[in-house]
Amino acid sequence: MKPCKNNNNSGTLYFLFSIISFGGESLKGFSFALLVGIIFGTYSSIYVAGALVVDIEKYIYKKKVQS
């Protein structure tokens, strides 16, 4: 995962926590939905995409060995 993506997520999470803490009722639901989306997106970027890259590299290596 790129460091700049991690920094962007961290900054956005700080902003959303401050909106949830200090914002009005109409902003809390919206910021909670964004918070859940960022958490699941970060999880997907780290674990799901990483495993996919490993599987693709194994597949390419097997193709090279067979050739």
N, C-alpha and C. Protein backbone atom coordinates (compact mmCIF):
# COMPACT_ATOMS: atom_id res chain seq x y z
N MET A 1 0.84 -1.17 0.00
CA MET A 1 0.00 0.00 0.00
C MET A 1 0.88 1.23 0.00
N LYS A 2 0.48 2.21 -0.75
CA LYS A 2 1.28 3.43 -0.85
C LYS A 2 1.19 4.24 0.45
N PRO A 3 2.30 4.84 0.86
CA PRO A 3 2.25 5.65 2.09
C PRO A 3 1.34 6.86 1.97
N CYS A 4 1.24 7.44 0.77
CA CYS A 4 0.40 8.63 0.64
C CYS A 4 -1.07 8.28 0.83
N LYS A 5 -1.49 7.08 0.40
CA LYS A 5 -2.87 6.66 0.61
C LYS A 5 -3.13 6.49 2.10
N ASN A 6 -2.18 5.93 2.82
CA ASN A 6 -2.34 5.75 4.26
C ASN A 6 -2.44 7.11 4.96
N ASN A 7 -1.62 8.06 4.54
CA ASN A 7 -1.68 9.40 5.14
C ASN A 7 -3.00 10.08 4.82
N ASN A 8 -3.49 9.91 3.60
CA ASN A 8 -4.78 10.50 3.25
C ASN A 8 -5.90 9.91 4.09
N ASN A 9 -5.89 8.61 4.28
CA ASN A 9 -6.92 7.98 5.12
C ASN A 9 -6.83 8.45 6.56
N SER A 10 -5.62 8.61 7.07
CA SER A 10 -5.45 9.07 8.45
C SER A 10 -5.99 10.48 8.63
N GLY A 11 -5.66 11.34 7.71
CA GLY A 11 -6.16 12.72 7.79
C GLY A 11 -7.67 12.79 7.68
N THR A 12 -8.24 11.99 6.80
CA THR A 12 -9.69 11.98 6.65
C THR A 12 -10.36 11.41 7.89
N LEU A 13 -9.76 10.40 8.50
CA LEU A 13 -10.34 9.84 9.73
C LEU A 13 -10.33 10.86 10.87
N TYR A 14 -9.24 11.61 11.02
CA TYR A 14 -9.20 12.66 12.05
C TYR A 14 -10.31 13.68 11.82
N PHE A 15 -10.49 14.06 10.56
CA PHE A 15 -11.53 15.03 10.22
C PHE A 15 -12.92 14.48 10.54
N LEU A 16 -13.15 13.22 10.18
CA LEU A 16 -14.47 12.63 10.43
C LEU A 16 -14.74 12.45 11.92
N PHE A 17 -13.73 12.07 12.69
CA PHE A 17 -13.93 11.97 14.14
C PHE A 17 -14.26 13.33 14.75
N SER A 18 -13.66 14.38 14.23
CA SER A 18 -13.98 15.71 14.76
C SER A 18 -15.39 16.13 14.36
N ILE A 19 -15.84 15.76 13.16
CA ILE A 19 -17.21 16.07 12.77
C ILE A 19 -18.20 15.29 13.63
N ILE A 20 -17.89 14.00 13.86
CA ILE A 20 -18.78 13.19 14.71
C ILE A 20 -18.83 13.76 16.12
N SER A 21 -17.69 14.22 16.64
CA SER A 21 -17.64 14.73 18.00
C SER A 21 -18.30 16.10 18.15
N PHE A 22 -18.02 16.99 17.21
CA PHE A 22 -18.45 18.38 17.38
C PHE A 22 -19.55 18.82 16.42
N GLY A 23 -19.90 18.00 15.45
CA GLY A 23 -20.90 18.38 14.46
C GLY A 23 -22.32 18.20 14.98
N GLY A 24 -23.24 18.73 14.21
CA GLY A 24 -24.65 18.61 14.56
C GLY A 24 -25.18 17.23 14.21
N GLU A 25 -26.46 17.01 14.53
CA GLU A 25 -27.07 15.71 14.30
C GLU A 25 -27.14 15.35 12.82
N SER A 26 -27.36 16.33 11.97
CA SER A 26 -27.47 16.02 10.54
C SER A 26 -26.13 15.59 9.95
N LEU A 27 -25.03 16.04 10.52
CA LEU A 27 -23.71 15.65 10.01
C LEU A 27 -23.22 14.32 10.57
N LYS A 28 -23.73 13.92 11.73
CA LYS A 28 -23.22 12.70 12.38
C LYS A 28 -23.52 11.45 11.56
N GLY A 29 -24.71 11.34 11.02
CA GLY A 29 -25.04 10.17 10.21
C GLY A 29 -24.22 10.10 8.94
N PHE A 30 -24.06 11.25 8.29
CA PHE A 30 -23.27 11.32 7.07
C PHE A 30 -21.81 10.98 7.34
N SER A 31 -21.25 11.54 8.39
CA SER A 31 -19.84 11.28 8.69
C SER A 31 -19.63 9.84 9.17
N PHE A 32 -20.62 9.25 9.82
CA PHE A 32 -20.50 7.85 10.22
C PHE A 32 -20.48 6.94 8.98
N ALA A 33 -21.31 7.25 7.99
CA ALA A 33 -21.32 6.47 6.75
C ALA A 33 -19.98 6.59 6.03
N LEU A 34 -19.41 7.78 6.01
CA LEU A 34 -18.09 7.97 5.40
C LEU A 34 -17.02 7.21 6.18
N LEU A 35 -17.12 7.22 7.48
CA LEU A 35 -16.16 6.53 8.33
C LEU A 35 -16.17 5.02 8.05
N VAL A 36 -17.35 4.45 7.95
CA VAL A 36 -17.46 3.01 7.66
C VAL A 36 -16.87 2.72 6.27
N GLY A 37 -17.15 3.57 5.30
CA GLY A 37 -16.63 3.39 3.96
C GLY A 37 -15.11 3.46 3.91
N ILE A 38 -14.53 4.37 4.63
CA ILE A 38 -13.07 4.51 4.65
C ILE A 38 -12.43 3.30 5.34
N ILE A 39 -13.03 2.82 6.42
CA ILE A 39 -12.48 1.66 7.12
C ILE A 39 -12.52 0.43 6.21
N PHE A 40 -13.65 0.18 5.55
CA PHE A 40 -13.73 -0.98 4.67
C PHE A 40 -12.86 -0.82 3.44
N GLY A 41 -12.73 0.39 2.93
CA GLY A 41 -11.85 0.63 1.79
C GLY A 41 -10.39 0.41 2.13
N THR A 42 -9.99 0.83 3.31
CA THR A 42 -8.61 0.61 3.75
C THR A 42 -8.34 -0.88 3.95
N TYR A 43 -9.29 -1.57 4.55
CA TYR A 43 -9.16 -3.02 4.73
C TYR A 43 -9.00 -3.70 3.37
N SER A 44 -9.83 -3.30 2.42
CA SER A 44 -9.76 -3.89 1.08
C SER A 44 -8.42 -3.61 0.43
N SER A 45 -7.92 -2.40 0.57
CA SER A 45 -6.65 -2.05 -0.05
C SER A 45 -5.49 -2.85 0.54
N ILE A 46 -5.52 -3.09 1.83
CA ILE A 46 -4.40 -3.76 2.48
C ILE A 46 -4.47 -5.27 2.30
N TYR A 47 -5.58 -5.88 2.65
CA TYR A 47 -5.64 -7.34 2.73
C TYR A 47 -6.12 -8.00 1.44
N VAL A 48 -7.21 -7.53 0.88
CA VAL A 48 -7.77 -8.19 -0.30
C VAL A 48 -6.88 -7.96 -1.52
N ALA A 49 -6.49 -6.72 -1.76
CA ALA A 49 -5.65 -6.43 -2.92
C ALA A 49 -4.27 -7.06 -2.77
N GLY A 50 -3.73 -7.09 -1.57
CA GLY A 50 -2.43 -7.71 -1.34
C GLY A 50 -2.44 -9.20 -1.65
N ALA A 51 -3.49 -9.89 -1.21
CA ALA A 51 -3.62 -11.32 -1.50
C ALA A 51 -3.81 -11.56 -3.00
N LEU A 52 -4.53 -10.67 -3.65
CA LEU A 52 -4.73 -10.79 -5.09
C LEU A 52 -3.42 -10.64 -5.85
N VAL A 53 -2.60 -9.71 -5.44
CA VAL A 53 -1.29 -9.52 -6.08
C VAL A 53 -0.41 -10.75 -5.91
N VAL A 54 -0.42 -11.34 -4.72
CA VAL A 54 0.37 -12.54 -4.48
C VAL A 54 -0.11 -13.68 -5.37
N ASP A 55 -1.41 -13.86 -5.50
CA ASP A 55 -1.94 -14.92 -6.36
C ASP A 55 -1.58 -14.69 -7.82
N ILE A 56 -1.64 -13.46 -8.29
CA ILE A 56 -1.28 -13.16 -9.67
C ILE A 56 0.20 -13.42 -9.91
N GLU A 57 1.05 -13.05 -8.96
CA GLU A 57 2.49 -13.31 -9.10
C GLU A 57 2.78 -14.81 -9.14
N LYS A 58 2.09 -15.59 -8.32
CA LYS A 58 2.27 -17.05 -8.35
C LYS A 58 1.84 -17.61 -9.71
N TYR A 59 0.75 -17.11 -10.25
CA TYR A 59 0.26 -17.58 -11.54
C TYR A 59 1.26 -17.24 -12.65
N ILE A 60 1.80 -16.04 -12.63
CA ILE A 60 2.79 -15.64 -13.65
C ILE A 60 4.06 -16.47 -13.50
N TYR A 61 4.49 -16.74 -12.28
CA TYR A 61 5.69 -17.55 -12.06
C TYR A 61 5.50 -18.97 -12.59
N LYS A 62 4.32 -19.55 -12.34
CA LYS A 62 4.05 -20.89 -12.84
C LYS A 62 4.07 -20.93 -14.38
N LYS A 63 3.52 -19.88 -15.00
CA LYS A 63 3.53 -19.81 -16.47
C LYS A 63 4.95 -19.74 -17.00
N LYS A 64 5.82 -18.98 -16.32
CA LYS A 64 7.21 -18.85 -16.78
C LYS A 64 7.96 -20.16 -16.61
N VAL A 65 7.70 -20.87 -15.52
CA VAL A 65 8.39 -22.13 -15.26
C VAL A 65 7.96 -23.19 -16.27
N GLN A 66 6.69 -23.21 -16.62
CA GLN A 66 6.19 -24.18 -17.57
C GLN A 66 6.69 -23.93 -19.00
N SER A 67 6.98 -22.70 -19.31
CA SER A 67 7.40 -22.35 -20.67
C SER A 67 8.81 -22.77 -20.99
